[in-house]
N, C-alpha and C. Protein backbone atom coordinates (compact mmCIF):
# COMPACT_ATOMS: atom_id res chain seq x y z
N UNK A 1 14.56 190.78 -80.98
CA UNK A 1 13.36 190.76 -80.14
C UNK A 1 13.57 189.76 -78.99
N UNK A 2 13.47 190.23 -77.77
CA UNK A 2 13.71 189.36 -76.63
C UNK A 2 12.58 188.35 -76.45
N UNK A 3 12.96 187.21 -75.85
CA UNK A 3 12.00 186.12 -75.70
C UNK A 3 10.80 186.54 -74.86
N UNK A 4 11.05 187.33 -73.81
CA UNK A 4 9.94 187.77 -72.95
C UNK A 4 8.96 188.65 -73.72
N UNK A 5 9.50 189.49 -74.57
CA UNK A 5 8.64 190.35 -75.39
C UNK A 5 7.83 189.51 -76.38
N UNK A 6 8.48 188.49 -76.94
CA UNK A 6 7.77 187.60 -77.88
C UNK A 6 6.61 186.91 -77.18
N UNK A 7 6.83 186.48 -75.94
CA UNK A 7 5.75 185.84 -75.19
C UNK A 7 4.60 186.80 -74.95
N UNK A 8 4.91 188.06 -74.63
CA UNK A 8 3.85 189.05 -74.41
C UNK A 8 3.07 189.31 -75.69
N UNK A 9 3.80 189.43 -76.81
CA UNK A 9 3.13 189.66 -78.09
C UNK A 9 2.24 188.47 -78.44
N UNK A 10 2.76 187.27 -78.20
CA UNK A 10 1.98 186.06 -78.48
C UNK A 10 0.73 185.99 -77.61
N UNK A 11 0.86 186.43 -76.35
CA UNK A 11 -0.29 186.41 -75.44
C UNK A 11 -1.36 187.40 -75.91
N UNK A 12 -0.92 188.60 -76.27
CA UNK A 12 -1.87 189.61 -76.77
C UNK A 12 -2.51 189.12 -78.07
N UNK A 13 -1.71 188.52 -78.92
CA UNK A 13 -2.23 187.97 -80.18
C UNK A 13 -3.31 186.92 -79.90
N UNK A 14 -3.09 186.11 -78.86
CA UNK A 14 -4.09 185.11 -78.50
C UNK A 14 -5.39 185.73 -78.03
N UNK A 15 -5.27 186.80 -77.21
CA UNK A 15 -6.47 187.47 -76.73
C UNK A 15 -7.25 188.11 -77.88
N UNK A 16 -6.53 188.72 -78.83
CA UNK A 16 -7.19 189.44 -79.92
C UNK A 16 -7.53 188.55 -81.11
N UNK A 17 -7.21 187.27 -81.03
CA UNK A 17 -7.41 186.37 -82.16
C UNK A 17 -8.85 186.28 -82.66
N UNK A 18 -9.88 186.43 -81.80
CA UNK A 18 -11.26 186.37 -82.34
C UNK A 18 -11.57 187.46 -83.36
N UNK A 19 -10.77 188.53 -83.38
CA UNK A 19 -11.03 189.60 -84.34
C UNK A 19 -10.72 189.16 -85.77
N UNK A 20 -9.67 188.33 -85.95
CA UNK A 20 -9.33 187.93 -87.31
C UNK A 20 -8.71 186.53 -87.38
N UNK A 21 -7.56 186.32 -86.72
CA UNK A 21 -6.82 185.07 -86.92
C UNK A 21 -7.55 183.84 -86.38
N UNK A 22 -8.45 184.03 -85.41
CA UNK A 22 -9.29 182.93 -84.94
C UNK A 22 -10.75 183.39 -84.90
N UNK A 23 -11.13 184.07 -85.97
CA UNK A 23 -12.47 184.66 -86.06
C UNK A 23 -13.55 183.60 -85.93
N UNK A 24 -14.61 183.88 -85.17
CA UNK A 24 -15.65 182.86 -84.97
C UNK A 24 -16.35 182.43 -86.25
N UNK A 25 -16.41 183.31 -87.23
CA UNK A 25 -17.05 182.96 -88.51
C UNK A 25 -16.05 182.36 -89.47
N UNK A 26 -14.94 183.04 -89.69
CA UNK A 26 -14.00 182.65 -90.74
C UNK A 26 -13.22 181.38 -90.41
N UNK A 27 -12.87 181.19 -89.15
CA UNK A 27 -12.05 180.05 -88.76
C UNK A 27 -12.88 178.95 -88.12
N UNK A 28 -13.81 179.32 -87.27
CA UNK A 28 -14.56 178.33 -86.50
C UNK A 28 -15.91 177.98 -87.12
N UNK A 29 -16.36 178.76 -88.08
CA UNK A 29 -17.60 178.44 -88.78
C UNK A 29 -18.86 178.66 -87.98
N UNK A 30 -18.81 179.53 -86.95
CA UNK A 30 -20.00 179.80 -86.14
C UNK A 30 -20.91 180.78 -86.87
N UNK A 31 -22.21 180.63 -86.67
CA UNK A 31 -23.22 181.57 -87.18
C UNK A 31 -23.15 181.75 -88.69
N UNK A 32 -22.90 180.67 -89.41
CA UNK A 32 -22.72 180.76 -90.85
C UNK A 32 -24.02 181.08 -91.58
N UNK A 33 -25.15 180.61 -91.07
CA UNK A 33 -26.42 180.81 -91.80
C UNK A 33 -26.77 182.29 -91.95
N UNK A 34 -26.83 183.08 -90.87
CA UNK A 34 -27.13 184.50 -91.08
C UNK A 34 -26.06 185.23 -91.87
N UNK A 35 -24.81 184.82 -91.70
CA UNK A 35 -23.73 185.49 -92.43
C UNK A 35 -23.90 185.29 -93.93
N UNK A 36 -24.25 184.10 -94.35
CA UNK A 36 -24.33 183.78 -95.78
C UNK A 36 -25.66 184.21 -96.39
N UNK A 37 -26.74 184.00 -95.67
CA UNK A 37 -28.06 184.19 -96.27
C UNK A 37 -28.54 185.63 -96.20
N UNK A 38 -28.47 186.25 -95.02
CA UNK A 38 -29.12 187.56 -94.85
C UNK A 38 -28.16 188.74 -94.85
N UNK A 39 -26.86 188.49 -95.00
CA UNK A 39 -25.92 189.61 -95.02
C UNK A 39 -25.77 190.16 -96.43
N UNK A 40 -26.89 190.37 -97.11
CA UNK A 40 -26.84 190.90 -98.47
C UNK A 40 -26.92 192.42 -98.52
N UNK A 41 -27.11 193.06 -97.36
CA UNK A 41 -27.02 194.52 -97.26
C UNK A 41 -26.33 194.88 -95.96
N UNK A 42 -25.78 196.07 -95.91
CA UNK A 42 -25.11 196.53 -94.69
C UNK A 42 -26.12 196.71 -93.57
N UNK A 43 -27.32 197.15 -93.87
CA UNK A 43 -28.35 197.33 -92.84
C UNK A 43 -28.69 196.00 -92.17
N UNK A 44 -28.88 194.96 -92.98
CA UNK A 44 -29.15 193.64 -92.41
C UNK A 44 -28.00 193.16 -91.55
N UNK A 45 -26.78 193.40 -92.01
CA UNK A 45 -25.60 192.96 -91.25
C UNK A 45 -25.52 193.66 -89.90
N UNK A 46 -25.76 194.96 -89.89
CA UNK A 46 -25.74 195.70 -88.62
C UNK A 46 -26.86 195.23 -87.70
N UNK A 47 -28.03 194.98 -88.27
CA UNK A 47 -29.17 194.52 -87.47
C UNK A 47 -28.87 193.18 -86.80
N UNK A 48 -28.34 192.22 -87.56
CA UNK A 48 -28.00 190.91 -87.00
C UNK A 48 -26.92 191.04 -85.93
N UNK A 49 -25.94 191.89 -86.17
CA UNK A 49 -24.85 192.09 -85.21
C UNK A 49 -25.37 192.64 -83.89
N UNK A 50 -26.33 193.56 -83.96
CA UNK A 50 -26.91 194.13 -82.74
C UNK A 50 -27.64 193.05 -81.94
N UNK A 51 -28.43 192.23 -82.62
CA UNK A 51 -29.18 191.18 -81.92
C UNK A 51 -28.23 190.18 -81.28
N UNK A 52 -27.20 189.75 -82.02
CA UNK A 52 -26.24 188.80 -81.48
C UNK A 52 -25.55 189.38 -80.24
N UNK A 53 -25.14 190.64 -80.31
CA UNK A 53 -24.46 191.27 -79.19
C UNK A 53 -25.36 191.34 -77.96
N UNK A 54 -26.62 191.73 -78.16
CA UNK A 54 -27.54 191.90 -77.03
C UNK A 54 -27.95 190.57 -76.42
N UNK A 55 -27.80 189.47 -77.14
CA UNK A 55 -28.09 188.16 -76.57
C UNK A 55 -26.84 187.50 -75.99
N UNK A 56 -25.74 187.56 -76.72
CA UNK A 56 -24.55 186.79 -76.32
C UNK A 56 -23.96 187.26 -75.00
N UNK A 57 -23.78 188.56 -74.84
CA UNK A 57 -23.10 189.05 -73.64
C UNK A 57 -23.87 188.72 -72.36
N UNK A 58 -25.16 189.06 -72.24
CA UNK A 58 -25.86 188.71 -71.00
C UNK A 58 -26.00 187.21 -70.77
N UNK A 59 -26.20 186.44 -71.84
CA UNK A 59 -26.30 184.98 -71.68
C UNK A 59 -24.99 184.41 -71.15
N UNK A 60 -23.88 184.88 -71.67
CA UNK A 60 -22.59 184.38 -71.21
C UNK A 60 -22.29 184.81 -69.78
N UNK A 61 -22.71 186.01 -69.40
CA UNK A 61 -22.50 186.46 -68.02
C UNK A 61 -23.33 185.62 -67.05
N UNK A 62 -24.59 185.41 -67.37
CA UNK A 62 -25.44 184.60 -66.49
C UNK A 62 -24.93 183.17 -66.42
N UNK A 63 -24.48 182.66 -67.55
CA UNK A 63 -23.92 181.31 -67.59
C UNK A 63 -22.69 181.20 -66.71
N UNK A 64 -21.88 182.24 -66.72
CA UNK A 64 -20.68 182.24 -65.90
C UNK A 64 -21.01 182.21 -64.41
N UNK A 65 -22.06 182.91 -64.02
CA UNK A 65 -22.44 182.95 -62.61
C UNK A 65 -23.13 181.66 -62.15
N UNK A 66 -24.02 181.12 -62.97
CA UNK A 66 -24.88 180.03 -62.51
C UNK A 66 -24.74 178.73 -63.31
N UNK A 67 -23.99 178.75 -64.42
CA UNK A 67 -23.93 177.58 -65.27
C UNK A 67 -23.38 176.34 -64.60
N UNK A 68 -22.40 176.54 -63.72
CA UNK A 68 -21.81 175.39 -63.04
C UNK A 68 -22.75 174.69 -62.10
N UNK A 69 -23.82 175.38 -61.70
CA UNK A 69 -24.79 174.79 -60.77
C UNK A 69 -25.92 174.06 -61.50
N UNK A 70 -25.96 174.20 -62.80
CA UNK A 70 -27.02 173.57 -63.60
C UNK A 70 -26.53 172.20 -64.08
N UNK A 71 -27.33 171.16 -63.95
CA UNK A 71 -26.91 169.84 -64.47
C UNK A 71 -26.55 169.92 -65.95
N UNK A 72 -25.52 169.20 -66.33
CA UNK A 72 -25.03 169.29 -67.70
C UNK A 72 -26.11 168.97 -68.73
N UNK A 73 -26.97 168.02 -68.44
CA UNK A 73 -28.00 167.62 -69.41
C UNK A 73 -29.05 168.71 -69.62
N UNK A 74 -29.13 169.67 -68.66
CA UNK A 74 -30.14 170.72 -68.74
C UNK A 74 -29.54 172.07 -69.15
N UNK A 75 -28.25 172.11 -69.43
CA UNK A 75 -27.62 173.40 -69.73
C UNK A 75 -28.07 173.99 -71.07
N UNK A 76 -28.07 173.18 -72.11
CA UNK A 76 -28.43 173.70 -73.44
C UNK A 76 -29.85 174.26 -73.45
N UNK A 77 -30.87 173.55 -72.91
CA UNK A 77 -32.20 174.17 -72.85
C UNK A 77 -32.21 175.47 -72.05
N UNK A 78 -31.38 175.54 -71.00
CA UNK A 78 -31.30 176.77 -70.21
C UNK A 78 -30.73 177.91 -71.05
N UNK A 79 -29.69 177.64 -71.82
CA UNK A 79 -29.12 178.68 -72.68
C UNK A 79 -30.13 179.16 -73.71
N UNK A 80 -30.89 178.24 -74.27
CA UNK A 80 -31.90 178.62 -75.25
C UNK A 80 -32.98 179.49 -74.61
N UNK A 81 -33.40 179.13 -73.40
CA UNK A 81 -34.40 179.92 -72.69
C UNK A 81 -33.88 181.33 -72.40
N UNK A 82 -32.65 181.42 -71.91
CA UNK A 82 -32.05 182.73 -71.65
C UNK A 82 -31.95 183.55 -72.93
N UNK A 83 -31.50 182.91 -73.99
CA UNK A 83 -31.38 183.59 -75.28
C UNK A 83 -32.73 184.10 -75.75
N UNK A 84 -33.78 183.31 -75.54
CA UNK A 84 -35.13 183.73 -75.93
C UNK A 84 -35.59 184.95 -75.14
N UNK A 85 -35.23 184.98 -73.85
CA UNK A 85 -35.64 186.11 -73.02
C UNK A 85 -34.98 187.41 -73.47
N UNK A 86 -33.71 187.34 -73.86
CA UNK A 86 -33.00 188.54 -74.29
C UNK A 86 -33.25 188.88 -75.76
N UNK A 87 -33.86 187.95 -76.49
CA UNK A 87 -34.12 188.22 -77.90
C UNK A 87 -35.12 189.35 -78.08
N UNK A 88 -36.13 189.41 -77.22
CA UNK A 88 -37.20 190.42 -77.39
C UNK A 88 -36.64 191.84 -77.26
N UNK A 89 -35.94 192.19 -76.14
CA UNK A 89 -35.37 193.54 -76.09
C UNK A 89 -34.31 193.77 -77.17
N UNK A 90 -33.58 192.71 -77.55
CA UNK A 90 -32.58 192.86 -78.61
C UNK A 90 -33.25 193.23 -79.94
N UNK A 91 -34.36 192.56 -80.25
CA UNK A 91 -35.08 192.86 -81.50
C UNK A 91 -35.68 194.26 -81.47
N UNK A 92 -36.17 194.69 -80.31
CA UNK A 92 -36.72 196.04 -80.20
C UNK A 92 -35.64 197.09 -80.39
N UNK A 93 -34.46 196.85 -79.78
CA UNK A 93 -33.35 197.78 -79.96
C UNK A 93 -32.91 197.81 -81.43
N UNK A 94 -32.83 196.65 -82.04
CA UNK A 94 -32.45 196.57 -83.45
C UNK A 94 -33.41 197.38 -84.31
N UNK A 95 -34.69 197.29 -84.03
CA UNK A 95 -35.69 197.99 -84.83
C UNK A 95 -35.62 199.50 -84.63
N UNK A 96 -35.13 199.94 -83.46
CA UNK A 96 -34.94 201.37 -83.23
C UNK A 96 -33.70 201.89 -83.93
N UNK A 97 -32.63 201.11 -83.88
CA UNK A 97 -31.37 201.55 -84.48
C UNK A 97 -31.39 201.40 -86.00
N UNK A 98 -31.91 200.26 -86.47
CA UNK A 98 -31.96 199.99 -87.92
C UNK A 98 -33.41 199.66 -88.28
N UNK A 99 -34.26 200.67 -88.42
CA UNK A 99 -35.69 200.38 -88.67
C UNK A 99 -35.93 199.75 -90.03
N UNK A 100 -37.10 199.10 -90.13
CA UNK A 100 -37.59 198.51 -91.39
C UNK A 100 -36.71 197.36 -91.88
N UNK A 101 -36.07 196.64 -90.96
CA UNK A 101 -35.25 195.50 -91.39
C UNK A 101 -35.88 194.16 -90.98
N UNK A 102 -36.90 194.17 -90.13
CA UNK A 102 -37.47 192.92 -89.63
C UNK A 102 -38.01 192.06 -90.76
N UNK A 103 -38.74 192.67 -91.69
CA UNK A 103 -39.32 191.91 -92.79
C UNK A 103 -38.24 191.32 -93.69
N UNK A 104 -37.16 192.07 -93.88
CA UNK A 104 -36.08 191.58 -94.73
C UNK A 104 -35.33 190.40 -94.13
N UNK A 105 -35.29 190.32 -92.81
CA UNK A 105 -34.57 189.22 -92.15
C UNK A 105 -35.42 187.96 -92.08
N UNK A 106 -36.72 188.11 -92.09
CA UNK A 106 -37.62 186.96 -92.12
C UNK A 106 -37.43 186.01 -90.96
N UNK A 107 -37.49 184.72 -91.26
CA UNK A 107 -37.42 183.68 -90.24
C UNK A 107 -36.03 183.59 -89.63
N UNK A 108 -35.03 184.15 -90.29
CA UNK A 108 -33.67 184.05 -89.77
C UNK A 108 -33.46 184.91 -88.52
N UNK A 109 -34.33 185.89 -88.29
CA UNK A 109 -34.21 186.70 -87.08
C UNK A 109 -34.53 185.89 -85.83
N UNK A 110 -35.71 185.25 -85.71
CA UNK A 110 -35.96 184.44 -84.51
C UNK A 110 -35.05 183.22 -84.39
N UNK A 111 -34.51 182.74 -85.51
CA UNK A 111 -33.59 181.60 -85.45
C UNK A 111 -32.28 181.95 -84.74
N UNK A 112 -32.00 183.23 -84.57
CA UNK A 112 -30.80 183.63 -83.84
C UNK A 112 -30.83 183.19 -82.38
N UNK A 113 -32.02 182.86 -81.88
CA UNK A 113 -32.14 182.39 -80.50
C UNK A 113 -31.31 181.14 -80.26
N UNK A 114 -31.19 180.29 -81.27
CA UNK A 114 -30.41 179.05 -81.12
C UNK A 114 -29.09 179.14 -81.89
N UNK A 115 -28.60 180.36 -82.04
CA UNK A 115 -27.37 180.57 -82.78
C UNK A 115 -26.16 180.04 -82.02
N UNK A 116 -25.20 179.48 -82.77
CA UNK A 116 -24.01 178.89 -82.12
C UNK A 116 -23.12 179.93 -81.48
N UNK A 117 -23.19 181.19 -81.92
CA UNK A 117 -22.42 182.25 -81.26
C UNK A 117 -22.87 182.44 -79.82
N UNK A 118 -24.13 182.18 -79.55
CA UNK A 118 -24.67 182.35 -78.20
C UNK A 118 -24.62 181.02 -77.43
N UNK A 119 -25.24 179.99 -77.98
CA UNK A 119 -25.39 178.72 -77.27
C UNK A 119 -24.05 177.98 -77.17
N UNK A 120 -23.38 177.83 -78.30
CA UNK A 120 -22.13 177.07 -78.31
C UNK A 120 -21.05 177.68 -77.45
N UNK A 121 -20.86 179.00 -77.55
CA UNK A 121 -19.83 179.66 -76.76
C UNK A 121 -20.16 179.66 -75.27
N UNK A 122 -21.45 179.68 -74.93
CA UNK A 122 -21.83 179.62 -73.52
C UNK A 122 -21.36 178.32 -72.88
N UNK A 123 -21.58 177.20 -73.58
CA UNK A 123 -21.19 175.91 -73.05
C UNK A 123 -19.68 175.69 -73.16
N UNK A 124 -19.10 176.15 -74.22
CA UNK A 124 -17.67 175.90 -74.46
C UNK A 124 -16.77 176.73 -73.55
N UNK A 125 -17.13 178.00 -73.31
CA UNK A 125 -16.20 178.90 -72.63
C UNK A 125 -16.77 179.54 -71.36
N UNK A 126 -17.98 180.10 -71.46
CA UNK A 126 -18.49 180.92 -70.36
C UNK A 126 -18.67 180.13 -69.07
N UNK A 127 -19.06 178.87 -69.19
CA UNK A 127 -19.34 178.08 -67.99
C UNK A 127 -18.05 177.56 -67.33
N UNK A 128 -16.92 177.67 -68.02
CA UNK A 128 -15.69 177.03 -67.56
C UNK A 128 -14.60 178.01 -67.13
N UNK A 129 -14.82 179.32 -67.26
CA UNK A 129 -13.77 180.29 -66.98
C UNK A 129 -14.28 181.37 -66.02
N UNK A 130 -13.34 182.21 -65.58
CA UNK A 130 -13.68 183.28 -64.64
C UNK A 130 -14.33 184.45 -65.37
N UNK A 131 -14.86 185.40 -64.58
CA UNK A 131 -15.72 186.45 -65.13
C UNK A 131 -15.00 187.33 -66.14
N UNK A 132 -13.84 187.89 -65.78
CA UNK A 132 -13.18 188.85 -66.68
C UNK A 132 -12.81 188.21 -68.02
N UNK A 133 -12.18 187.02 -68.03
CA UNK A 133 -11.93 186.39 -69.33
C UNK A 133 -13.20 186.12 -70.14
N UNK A 134 -14.29 185.79 -69.45
CA UNK A 134 -15.56 185.53 -70.16
C UNK A 134 -16.07 186.81 -70.82
N UNK A 135 -16.01 187.93 -70.10
CA UNK A 135 -16.47 189.21 -70.65
C UNK A 135 -15.62 189.59 -71.87
N UNK A 136 -14.29 189.50 -71.72
CA UNK A 136 -13.40 189.84 -72.83
C UNK A 136 -13.62 188.92 -74.03
N UNK A 137 -13.76 187.63 -73.76
CA UNK A 137 -13.98 186.68 -74.84
C UNK A 137 -15.28 186.97 -75.56
N UNK A 138 -16.35 187.25 -74.81
CA UNK A 138 -17.65 187.54 -75.43
C UNK A 138 -17.57 188.81 -76.28
N UNK A 139 -16.97 189.87 -75.73
CA UNK A 139 -16.88 191.13 -76.47
C UNK A 139 -16.06 190.98 -77.75
N UNK A 140 -14.93 190.28 -77.65
CA UNK A 140 -14.06 190.12 -78.83
C UNK A 140 -14.73 189.25 -79.89
N UNK A 141 -15.44 188.22 -79.47
CA UNK A 141 -16.15 187.39 -80.44
C UNK A 141 -17.30 188.16 -81.08
N UNK A 142 -17.97 189.01 -80.31
CA UNK A 142 -19.05 189.83 -80.87
C UNK A 142 -18.49 190.80 -81.90
N UNK A 143 -17.39 191.47 -81.55
CA UNK A 143 -16.76 192.42 -82.49
C UNK A 143 -16.25 191.69 -83.72
N UNK A 144 -15.61 190.53 -83.52
CA UNK A 144 -15.13 189.75 -84.66
C UNK A 144 -16.25 189.33 -85.59
N UNK A 145 -17.36 188.88 -85.01
CA UNK A 145 -18.52 188.51 -85.81
C UNK A 145 -19.05 189.72 -86.57
N UNK A 146 -19.19 190.86 -85.87
CA UNK A 146 -19.75 192.06 -86.51
C UNK A 146 -18.85 192.57 -87.63
N UNK A 147 -17.53 192.50 -87.45
CA UNK A 147 -16.62 192.95 -88.50
C UNK A 147 -16.81 192.14 -89.78
N UNK A 148 -16.86 190.81 -89.63
CA UNK A 148 -17.04 189.96 -90.80
C UNK A 148 -18.43 190.17 -91.40
N UNK A 149 -19.45 190.21 -90.57
CA UNK A 149 -20.82 190.37 -91.04
C UNK A 149 -20.99 191.67 -91.82
N UNK A 150 -20.47 192.76 -91.26
CA UNK A 150 -20.65 194.06 -91.91
C UNK A 150 -19.79 194.19 -93.16
N UNK A 151 -18.60 193.59 -93.15
CA UNK A 151 -17.77 193.60 -94.35
C UNK A 151 -18.46 192.88 -95.50
N UNK A 152 -19.00 191.71 -95.21
CA UNK A 152 -19.70 190.94 -96.25
C UNK A 152 -20.96 191.68 -96.71
N UNK A 153 -21.72 192.24 -95.75
CA UNK A 153 -22.92 192.99 -96.11
C UNK A 153 -22.61 194.20 -96.98
N UNK A 154 -21.53 194.90 -96.64
CA UNK A 154 -21.13 196.08 -97.42
C UNK A 154 -20.74 195.69 -98.85
N UNK A 155 -19.91 194.66 -98.98
CA UNK A 155 -19.45 194.22 -100.30
C UNK A 155 -20.62 193.74 -101.15
N UNK A 156 -21.49 192.93 -100.56
CA UNK A 156 -22.60 192.37 -101.34
C UNK A 156 -23.60 193.45 -101.75
N UNK A 157 -23.89 194.38 -100.86
CA UNK A 157 -24.82 195.45 -101.22
C UNK A 157 -24.22 196.33 -102.31
N UNK A 158 -22.93 196.66 -102.15
CA UNK A 158 -22.27 197.53 -103.11
C UNK A 158 -22.25 196.91 -104.51
N UNK A 159 -21.96 195.61 -104.58
CA UNK A 159 -21.84 194.96 -105.87
C UNK A 159 -23.19 194.57 -106.47
N UNK A 160 -24.15 194.19 -105.62
CA UNK A 160 -25.43 193.71 -106.15
C UNK A 160 -26.41 194.82 -106.46
N UNK A 161 -26.39 195.88 -105.65
CA UNK A 161 -27.39 196.94 -105.81
C UNK A 161 -26.81 198.30 -106.14
N UNK A 162 -25.47 198.41 -106.13
CA UNK A 162 -24.80 199.70 -106.34
C UNK A 162 -25.27 200.74 -105.32
N UNK A 163 -25.42 200.27 -104.06
CA UNK A 163 -25.80 201.17 -102.97
C UNK A 163 -24.92 200.88 -101.76
N UNK A 164 -24.86 201.84 -100.85
CA UNK A 164 -24.24 201.66 -99.53
C UNK A 164 -25.21 202.24 -98.51
N UNK A 165 -25.72 201.38 -97.62
CA UNK A 165 -26.75 201.77 -96.65
C UNK A 165 -27.97 202.35 -97.36
N UNK A 166 -28.29 201.82 -98.52
CA UNK A 166 -29.45 202.27 -99.27
C UNK A 166 -29.23 203.49 -100.14
N UNK A 167 -28.05 204.10 -100.04
CA UNK A 167 -27.77 205.29 -100.84
C UNK A 167 -27.12 204.87 -102.17
N UNK A 168 -27.68 205.28 -103.29
CA UNK A 168 -27.17 204.80 -104.58
C UNK A 168 -25.79 205.35 -104.93
N UNK A 169 -25.00 204.49 -105.57
CA UNK A 169 -23.72 204.88 -106.14
C UNK A 169 -23.91 204.88 -107.65
N UNK A 170 -24.04 206.05 -108.23
CA UNK A 170 -24.51 206.15 -109.61
C UNK A 170 -23.56 205.52 -110.62
N UNK A 171 -22.27 205.64 -110.40
CA UNK A 171 -21.32 205.20 -111.42
C UNK A 171 -21.05 203.70 -111.39
N UNK A 172 -21.62 203.01 -110.41
CA UNK A 172 -21.32 201.59 -110.23
C UNK A 172 -22.33 200.73 -110.98
N UNK A 173 -21.83 199.76 -111.77
CA UNK A 173 -22.71 198.79 -112.42
C UNK A 173 -23.14 197.72 -111.42
N UNK A 174 -24.38 197.26 -111.53
CA UNK A 174 -24.91 196.26 -110.61
C UNK A 174 -24.54 194.85 -111.06
N UNK A 175 -24.29 193.99 -110.07
CA UNK A 175 -24.10 192.56 -110.31
C UNK A 175 -25.08 191.85 -109.39
N UNK A 176 -26.33 191.67 -109.80
CA UNK A 176 -27.39 191.17 -108.90
C UNK A 176 -27.08 189.83 -108.26
N UNK A 177 -26.23 189.02 -108.88
CA UNK A 177 -25.94 187.69 -108.33
C UNK A 177 -25.32 187.76 -106.93
N UNK A 178 -24.69 188.89 -106.60
CA UNK A 178 -24.06 189.00 -105.28
C UNK A 178 -25.07 189.07 -104.14
N UNK A 179 -26.34 189.27 -104.46
CA UNK A 179 -27.37 189.23 -103.43
C UNK A 179 -27.76 187.80 -103.06
N UNK A 180 -27.33 186.82 -103.86
CA UNK A 180 -27.69 185.42 -103.63
C UNK A 180 -26.74 184.77 -102.63
N UNK A 181 -27.22 183.74 -101.91
CA UNK A 181 -26.40 183.12 -100.86
C UNK A 181 -25.08 182.54 -101.35
N UNK A 182 -25.02 182.02 -102.60
CA UNK A 182 -23.77 181.39 -103.02
C UNK A 182 -22.63 182.40 -103.09
N UNK A 183 -22.95 183.68 -103.36
CA UNK A 183 -21.92 184.72 -103.35
C UNK A 183 -21.49 185.02 -101.91
N UNK A 184 -22.41 184.85 -100.97
CA UNK A 184 -22.01 184.95 -99.57
C UNK A 184 -20.98 183.89 -99.22
N UNK A 185 -21.21 182.66 -99.71
CA UNK A 185 -20.23 181.58 -99.52
C UNK A 185 -18.87 181.97 -100.10
N UNK A 186 -18.87 182.53 -101.29
CA UNK A 186 -17.63 182.88 -101.96
C UNK A 186 -16.85 183.93 -101.17
N UNK A 187 -17.54 184.95 -100.69
CA UNK A 187 -16.85 186.01 -99.95
C UNK A 187 -16.32 185.48 -98.63
N UNK A 188 -17.11 184.66 -97.94
CA UNK A 188 -16.64 184.04 -96.71
C UNK A 188 -15.39 183.20 -96.97
N UNK A 189 -15.39 182.46 -98.09
CA UNK A 189 -14.25 181.61 -98.42
C UNK A 189 -12.98 182.44 -98.62
N UNK A 190 -13.08 183.54 -99.35
CA UNK A 190 -11.91 184.39 -99.57
C UNK A 190 -11.42 185.01 -98.27
N UNK A 191 -12.35 185.49 -97.44
CA UNK A 191 -11.95 186.07 -96.16
C UNK A 191 -11.33 185.03 -95.24
N UNK A 192 -11.89 183.81 -95.25
CA UNK A 192 -11.34 182.73 -94.42
C UNK A 192 -9.93 182.37 -94.87
N UNK A 193 -9.71 182.33 -96.18
CA UNK A 193 -8.37 182.05 -96.69
C UNK A 193 -7.39 183.14 -96.26
N UNK A 194 -7.84 184.39 -96.29
CA UNK A 194 -6.98 185.49 -95.83
C UNK A 194 -6.67 185.39 -94.35
N UNK A 195 -7.68 185.03 -93.54
CA UNK A 195 -7.46 184.89 -92.10
C UNK A 195 -6.48 183.77 -91.79
N UNK A 196 -6.61 182.65 -92.49
CA UNK A 196 -5.69 181.53 -92.25
C UNK A 196 -4.28 181.86 -92.70
N UNK A 197 -4.14 182.56 -93.82
CA UNK A 197 -2.82 182.97 -94.29
C UNK A 197 -2.17 183.93 -93.29
N UNK A 198 -2.96 184.86 -92.77
CA UNK A 198 -2.45 185.81 -91.77
C UNK A 198 -2.01 185.07 -90.51
N UNK A 199 -2.80 184.10 -90.07
CA UNK A 199 -2.45 183.35 -88.86
C UNK A 199 -1.15 182.57 -89.05
N UNK A 200 -1.00 181.92 -90.20
CA UNK A 200 0.23 181.18 -90.47
C UNK A 200 1.44 182.11 -90.55
N UNK A 201 1.25 183.26 -91.19
CA UNK A 201 2.36 184.21 -91.33
C UNK A 201 2.83 184.74 -89.97
N UNK A 202 1.89 185.18 -89.14
CA UNK A 202 2.28 185.71 -87.83
C UNK A 202 2.89 184.62 -86.95
N UNK A 203 2.39 183.40 -87.06
CA UNK A 203 2.97 182.29 -86.30
C UNK A 203 4.41 182.04 -86.72
N UNK A 204 4.67 182.06 -88.03
CA UNK A 204 6.04 181.84 -88.52
C UNK A 204 6.97 182.95 -88.07
N UNK A 205 6.48 184.20 -88.10
CA UNK A 205 7.31 185.33 -87.70
C UNK A 205 7.70 185.22 -86.22
N UNK A 206 6.72 184.92 -85.36
CA UNK A 206 7.01 184.79 -83.93
C UNK A 206 7.91 183.59 -83.65
N UNK A 207 7.68 182.49 -84.35
CA UNK A 207 8.50 181.30 -84.16
C UNK A 207 9.95 181.56 -84.57
N UNK A 208 10.11 182.25 -85.71
CA UNK A 208 11.47 182.56 -86.17
C UNK A 208 12.18 183.49 -85.20
N UNK A 209 11.45 184.49 -84.67
CA UNK A 209 12.05 185.42 -83.71
C UNK A 209 12.43 184.70 -82.42
N UNK A 210 11.58 183.77 -81.97
CA UNK A 210 11.88 183.02 -80.74
C UNK A 210 13.10 182.13 -80.93
N UNK A 211 13.21 181.46 -82.09
CA UNK A 211 14.36 180.59 -82.36
C UNK A 211 15.65 181.41 -82.46
N UNK A 212 15.54 182.61 -83.04
CA UNK A 212 16.70 183.47 -83.15
C UNK A 212 17.20 183.91 -81.77
N UNK A 213 16.26 184.27 -80.88
CA UNK A 213 16.65 184.69 -79.53
C UNK A 213 17.27 183.55 -78.75
N UNK A 214 16.71 182.36 -78.90
CA UNK A 214 17.26 181.20 -78.20
C UNK A 214 18.66 180.87 -78.70
N UNK A 215 18.90 181.07 -80.02
CA UNK A 215 20.21 180.81 -80.57
C UNK A 215 21.26 181.78 -80.07
N UNK A 216 20.79 183.02 -79.81
CA UNK A 216 21.72 184.00 -79.28
C UNK A 216 22.01 183.78 -77.79
């Protein structure tokens, strides 16, 4: 494998890292509360993912355009205000796509307004980079969050209720404990361990290939 090709693969790996190897939930610990507490069904997971997506992308775009002009001490309140403005249409869209989930999400739905996936990433990345990287970063982090959220929701619903999207799986025995938050912690821990192992493995493979090319 030529060194130039290794560099290209490493660059692509860096761009796609939010999907798994640098996942915002598994590696960075962002948005842990909704992931652990309310991702006990696939419907809830999809609902939360929709709201996060509808808030994060526009907030990051607006931050990219105007964030540099806002005094640093006033940026966080501005992000919260923007997030609040986009929360209403996001919640309406969520209720159309995944109806009857608002009551199940409870207070954790409006708490998404101050979620670290929206506020933290806006200050950390969106305000400091150009438009195209900000859009790509926001989309990849949204997809990475949704993948983890929906995976956990699917596993917990399947094991705790013997259902998938509310449809019963007759032959499956129920394990009700998986609906509780501590099982959310357990599943996140196993997925995080897998993500870190994958990151170390791919890093070693690329490093070994680069050293081999340099030796030749």
